Amino acid sequence: MRIRDKGFIPDPRPVFLYVGRVAVEKNIEAFLTLDLPETKYVVGDGPQLKRLMRAFPSVRFVRAKKGEALAKFYATADVFVFPNGKKVPNSLSITLFR
């Protein structure tokens, strides 16, 4: 399977993807409460993971990934989500959109 193969995620499209630490300061709950069409993914670990998994059973939660395993999620997502509310873009978002 090629990394960019959209079949890696078999869920309905569009796929909204958050990758990062699952913690209060990341404001992930703001993303998860949005009424968006189709599928939301959260890839990462952190202190809020178990609580959010219970509160949002329709969201796909995946433990932290690295390397090619993480690249597959980025390559197959339709929308990248950065819900932390900070006005300064992080280095990842700058790299992704070059």
N, C-alpha and C. Protein backbone atom coordinates (compact mmCIF):
# COMPACT_ATOMS: atom_id res chain seq x y z
N MET A 1 0.84 -1.18 0.00
CA MET A 1 0.00 0.00 0.00
C MET A 1 0.89 1.24 0.00
N ARG A 2 0.61 2.16 -0.88
CA ARG A 2 1.33 3.43 -0.90
C ARG A 2 0.89 4.28 0.28
N ILE A 3 1.79 5.11 0.78
CA ILE A 3 1.46 5.98 1.91
C ILE A 3 0.26 6.86 1.60
N ARG A 4 0.12 7.32 0.40
CA ARG A 4 -0.97 8.23 0.05
C ARG A 4 -2.28 7.52 -0.31
N ASP A 5 -2.33 6.25 -0.14
CA ASP A 5 -3.53 5.47 -0.44
C ASP A 5 -4.65 5.87 0.51
N LYS A 6 -5.71 6.50 0.00
CA LYS A 6 -6.83 6.95 0.83
C LYS A 6 -7.57 5.78 1.46
N GLY A 7 -7.36 4.56 0.97
CA GLY A 7 -8.02 3.39 1.53
C GLY A 7 -7.47 2.98 2.89
N PHE A 8 -6.38 3.60 3.33
CA PHE A 8 -5.82 3.31 4.65
C PHE A 8 -6.84 3.59 5.74
N ILE A 9 -7.61 4.65 5.56
CA ILE A 9 -8.71 4.98 6.49
C ILE A 9 -10.01 4.64 5.78
N PRO A 10 -10.68 3.57 6.19
CA PRO A 10 -11.87 3.12 5.48
C PRO A 10 -13.15 3.88 5.85
N ASP A 11 -13.05 4.84 6.76
CA ASP A 11 -14.24 5.56 7.22
C ASP A 11 -14.75 6.55 6.18
N PRO A 12 -16.01 6.97 6.33
CA PRO A 12 -16.58 7.95 5.40
C PRO A 12 -15.79 9.26 5.38
N ARG A 13 -15.78 9.89 4.24
CA ARG A 13 -15.07 11.14 4.03
C ARG A 13 -16.04 12.32 4.11
N PRO A 14 -15.54 13.49 4.50
CA PRO A 14 -14.15 13.82 4.76
C PRO A 14 -13.68 13.31 6.12
N VAL A 15 -12.36 13.14 6.24
CA VAL A 15 -11.72 12.73 7.49
C VAL A 15 -11.02 13.95 8.07
N PHE A 16 -11.43 14.35 9.29
CA PHE A 16 -10.83 15.46 10.02
C PHE A 16 -9.81 14.87 10.98
N LEU A 17 -8.58 15.39 11.00
CA LEU A 17 -7.49 14.79 11.76
C LEU A 17 -6.83 15.77 12.71
N TYR A 18 -6.76 15.39 13.98
CA TYR A 18 -5.94 16.09 14.96
C TYR A 18 -4.82 15.13 15.36
N VAL A 19 -3.58 15.61 15.37
CA VAL A 19 -2.44 14.81 15.82
C VAL A 19 -1.70 15.62 16.88
N GLY A 20 -1.49 15.01 18.02
CA GLY A 20 -0.73 15.70 19.06
C GLY A 20 -1.08 15.20 20.45
N ARG A 21 -0.58 15.91 21.43
CA ARG A 21 -0.82 15.56 22.82
C ARG A 21 -2.29 15.78 23.15
N VAL A 22 -2.89 14.83 23.83
CA VAL A 22 -4.31 14.91 24.18
C VAL A 22 -4.38 15.48 25.59
N ALA A 23 -4.46 16.81 25.66
CA ALA A 23 -4.43 17.51 26.94
C ALA A 23 -5.34 18.74 26.88
N VAL A 24 -5.74 19.23 28.03
CA VAL A 24 -6.67 20.36 28.14
C VAL A 24 -6.20 21.56 27.33
N GLU A 25 -4.91 21.89 27.43
CA GLU A 25 -4.40 23.09 26.77
C GLU A 25 -4.46 23.01 25.25
N LYS A 26 -4.67 21.85 24.71
CA LYS A 26 -4.78 21.69 23.26
C LYS A 26 -6.19 21.98 22.74
N ASN A 27 -7.16 22.08 23.65
CA ASN A 27 -8.53 22.45 23.30
C ASN A 27 -9.18 21.47 22.31
N ILE A 28 -8.85 20.22 22.42
CA ILE A 28 -9.35 19.19 21.51
C ILE A 28 -10.88 19.06 21.61
N GLU A 29 -11.39 19.27 22.79
CA GLU A 29 -12.84 19.13 22.98
C GLU A 29 -13.62 20.10 22.09
N ALA A 30 -13.06 21.27 21.82
CA ALA A 30 -13.72 22.23 20.91
C ALA A 30 -13.89 21.62 19.53
N PHE A 31 -12.89 20.91 19.07
CA PHE A 31 -12.97 20.21 17.78
C PHE A 31 -14.00 19.08 17.84
N LEU A 32 -13.95 18.29 18.89
CA LEU A 32 -14.81 17.11 18.99
C LEU A 32 -16.29 17.46 19.13
N THR A 33 -16.60 18.63 19.66
CA THR A 33 -18.00 19.03 19.82
C THR A 33 -18.58 19.68 18.56
N LEU A 34 -17.75 19.99 17.58
CA LEU A 34 -18.25 20.58 16.34
C LEU A 34 -19.12 19.59 15.58
N ASP A 35 -20.16 20.11 14.98
CA ASP A 35 -21.04 19.29 14.15
C ASP A 35 -20.47 19.26 12.74
N LEU A 36 -19.58 18.33 12.50
CA LEU A 36 -18.91 18.20 11.21
C LEU A 36 -19.39 16.93 10.51
N PRO A 37 -19.40 16.96 9.18
CA PRO A 37 -19.80 15.75 8.47
C PRO A 37 -18.75 14.66 8.57
N GLU A 38 -19.19 13.46 8.68
CA GLU A 38 -18.38 12.25 8.60
C GLU A 38 -17.44 11.98 9.76
N THR A 39 -16.11 11.82 9.55
CA THR A 39 -15.25 11.15 10.51
C THR A 39 -14.20 12.06 11.13
N LYS A 40 -14.07 11.96 12.46
CA LYS A 40 -13.03 12.68 13.20
C LYS A 40 -12.03 11.67 13.75
N TYR A 41 -10.74 11.98 13.59
CA TYR A 41 -9.66 11.16 14.14
C TYR A 41 -8.81 11.99 15.10
N VAL A 42 -8.41 11.38 16.20
CA VAL A 42 -7.46 11.96 17.13
C VAL A 42 -6.32 10.96 17.26
N VAL A 43 -5.11 11.39 16.88
CA VAL A 43 -3.94 10.53 16.98
C VAL A 43 -3.01 11.13 18.02
N GLY A 44 -2.82 10.42 19.13
CA GLY A 44 -1.93 10.91 20.17
C GLY A 44 -2.26 10.31 21.52
N ASP A 45 -1.45 10.66 22.50
CA ASP A 45 -1.62 10.22 23.88
C ASP A 45 -1.64 11.43 24.78
N GLY A 46 -2.13 11.25 25.99
CA GLY A 46 -2.10 12.33 26.95
C GLY A 46 -3.11 12.13 28.06
N PRO A 47 -3.11 13.05 29.02
CA PRO A 47 -3.94 12.89 30.21
C PRO A 47 -5.45 12.92 29.96
N GLN A 48 -5.90 13.51 28.87
CA GLN A 48 -7.33 13.57 28.59
C GLN A 48 -7.84 12.44 27.71
N LEU A 49 -6.97 11.57 27.26
CA LEU A 49 -7.36 10.55 26.28
C LEU A 49 -8.52 9.69 26.75
N LYS A 50 -8.43 9.09 27.90
CA LYS A 50 -9.49 8.19 28.36
C LYS A 50 -10.82 8.91 28.53
N ARG A 51 -10.79 10.12 29.09
CA ARG A 51 -12.02 10.87 29.29
C ARG A 51 -12.68 11.22 27.95
N LEU A 52 -11.89 11.67 26.99
CA LEU A 52 -12.44 12.02 25.69
C LEU A 52 -12.95 10.79 24.95
N MET A 53 -12.28 9.68 25.11
CA MET A 53 -12.75 8.44 24.47
C MET A 53 -14.13 8.05 24.99
N ARG A 54 -14.35 8.22 26.28
CA ARG A 54 -15.67 7.91 26.86
C ARG A 54 -16.72 8.93 26.43
N ALA A 55 -16.33 10.20 26.38
CA ALA A 55 -17.28 11.28 26.07
C ALA A 55 -17.66 11.34 24.59
N PHE A 56 -16.78 10.86 23.71
CA PHE A 56 -17.01 10.96 22.26
C PHE A 56 -16.80 9.60 21.59
N PRO A 57 -17.72 8.67 21.79
CA PRO A 57 -17.54 7.32 21.27
C PRO A 57 -17.52 7.22 19.74
N SER A 58 -18.04 8.22 19.05
CA SER A 58 -18.05 8.15 17.58
C SER A 58 -16.73 8.61 16.96
N VAL A 59 -15.86 9.18 17.77
CA VAL A 59 -14.56 9.64 17.27
C VAL A 59 -13.58 8.47 17.26
N ARG A 60 -12.73 8.43 16.25
CA ARG A 60 -11.71 7.39 16.14
C ARG A 60 -10.46 7.87 16.87
N PHE A 61 -10.12 7.23 17.97
CA PHE A 61 -8.93 7.57 18.74
C PHE A 61 -7.85 6.53 18.44
N VAL A 62 -6.65 7.02 18.13
CA VAL A 62 -5.52 6.16 17.82
C VAL A 62 -4.36 6.61 18.68
N ARG A 63 -3.70 5.68 19.33
CA ARG A 63 -2.54 6.02 20.17
C ARG A 63 -1.46 6.68 19.32
N ALA A 64 -0.52 7.34 19.96
CA ALA A 64 0.55 8.08 19.27
C ALA A 64 1.26 7.18 18.26
N LYS A 65 1.57 7.76 17.13
CA LYS A 65 2.28 7.07 16.05
C LYS A 65 3.52 7.88 15.68
N LYS A 66 4.49 7.21 15.06
CA LYS A 66 5.70 7.86 14.59
C LYS A 66 6.04 7.36 13.20
N GLY A 67 6.89 8.09 12.53
CA GLY A 67 7.42 7.65 11.24
C GLY A 67 6.37 7.40 10.19
N GLU A 68 6.54 6.29 9.48
CA GLU A 68 5.64 5.97 8.37
C GLU A 68 4.21 5.73 8.85
N ALA A 69 4.04 5.17 10.04
CA ALA A 69 2.69 4.94 10.57
C ALA A 69 1.95 6.27 10.74
N LEU A 70 2.63 7.30 11.21
CA LEU A 70 2.01 8.62 11.35
C LEU A 70 1.81 9.27 9.99
N ALA A 71 2.78 9.10 9.11
CA ALA A 71 2.69 9.68 7.77
C ALA A 71 1.44 9.20 7.03
N LYS A 72 1.06 7.95 7.25
CA LYS A 72 -0.15 7.41 6.59
C LYS A 72 -1.39 8.19 7.02
N PHE A 73 -1.47 8.54 8.30
CA PHE A 73 -2.64 9.31 8.75
C PHE A 73 -2.66 10.69 8.12
N TYR A 74 -1.50 11.37 8.11
CA TYR A 74 -1.44 12.69 7.48
C TYR A 74 -1.79 12.62 6.00
N ALA A 75 -1.27 11.61 5.32
CA ALA A 75 -1.49 11.50 3.87
C ALA A 75 -2.93 11.20 3.51
N THR A 76 -3.65 10.52 4.37
CA THR A 76 -5.01 10.12 4.02
C THR A 76 -6.09 11.05 4.57
N ALA A 77 -5.72 11.95 5.47
CA ALA A 77 -6.72 12.89 6.01
C ALA A 77 -7.11 13.92 4.96
N ASP A 78 -8.31 14.43 5.10
CA ASP A 78 -8.80 15.48 4.20
C ASP A 78 -8.62 16.87 4.81
N VAL A 79 -8.71 16.95 6.15
CA VAL A 79 -8.62 18.23 6.85
C VAL A 79 -7.75 18.04 8.09
N PHE A 80 -6.75 18.92 8.26
CA PHE A 80 -5.93 18.92 9.47
C PHE A 80 -6.53 19.92 10.45
N VAL A 81 -6.65 19.52 11.71
CA VAL A 81 -7.30 20.36 12.72
C VAL A 81 -6.27 20.79 13.77
N PHE A 82 -6.24 22.09 14.06
CA PHE A 82 -5.36 22.67 15.08
C PHE A 82 -6.22 23.48 16.04
N PRO A 83 -6.89 22.82 16.99
CA PRO A 83 -7.89 23.52 17.80
C PRO A 83 -7.37 24.32 18.99
N ASN A 84 -6.07 24.45 19.19
CA ASN A 84 -5.60 25.05 20.43
C ASN A 84 -5.89 26.53 20.56
N GLY A 85 -6.29 27.20 19.51
CA GLY A 85 -6.71 28.59 19.59
C GLY A 85 -5.59 29.61 19.58
N LYS A 86 -4.35 29.17 19.56
CA LYS A 86 -3.24 30.12 19.52
C LYS A 86 -3.17 30.76 18.14
N LYS A 87 -2.82 32.02 18.12
CA LYS A 87 -2.76 32.75 16.85
C LYS A 87 -1.46 32.51 16.10
N VAL A 88 -0.43 32.06 16.79
CA VAL A 88 0.86 31.79 16.15
C VAL A 88 0.86 30.36 15.63
N PRO A 89 1.04 30.16 14.33
CA PRO A 89 1.05 28.80 13.80
C PRO A 89 2.26 28.03 14.32
N ASN A 90 2.05 26.75 14.60
CA ASN A 90 3.17 25.94 15.06
C ASN A 90 4.02 25.49 13.88
N SER A 91 5.20 24.96 14.15
CA SER A 91 6.12 24.58 13.09
C SER A 91 5.56 23.48 12.20
N LEU A 92 4.73 22.59 12.78
CA LEU A 92 4.14 21.53 11.97
C LEU A 92 3.21 22.10 10.91
N SER A 93 2.36 23.03 11.28
CA SER A 93 1.42 23.59 10.29
C SER A 93 2.17 24.35 9.20
N ILE A 94 3.25 25.02 9.55
CA ILE A 94 4.04 25.72 8.54
C ILE A 94 4.65 24.71 7.58
N THR A 95 5.17 23.60 8.10
CA THR A 95 5.76 22.56 7.26
C THR A 95 4.73 21.90 6.37
N LEU A 96 3.55 21.60 6.91
CA LEU A 96 2.51 20.92 6.14
C LEU A 96 2.04 21.73 4.94
N PHE A 97 1.99 23.03 5.07
CA PHE A 97 1.38 23.84 4.04
C PHE A 97 2.38 24.54 3.13
N ARG A 98 3.61 24.07 3.11
CA ARG A 98 4.61 24.63 2.20
C ARG A 98 4.41 24.13 0.81
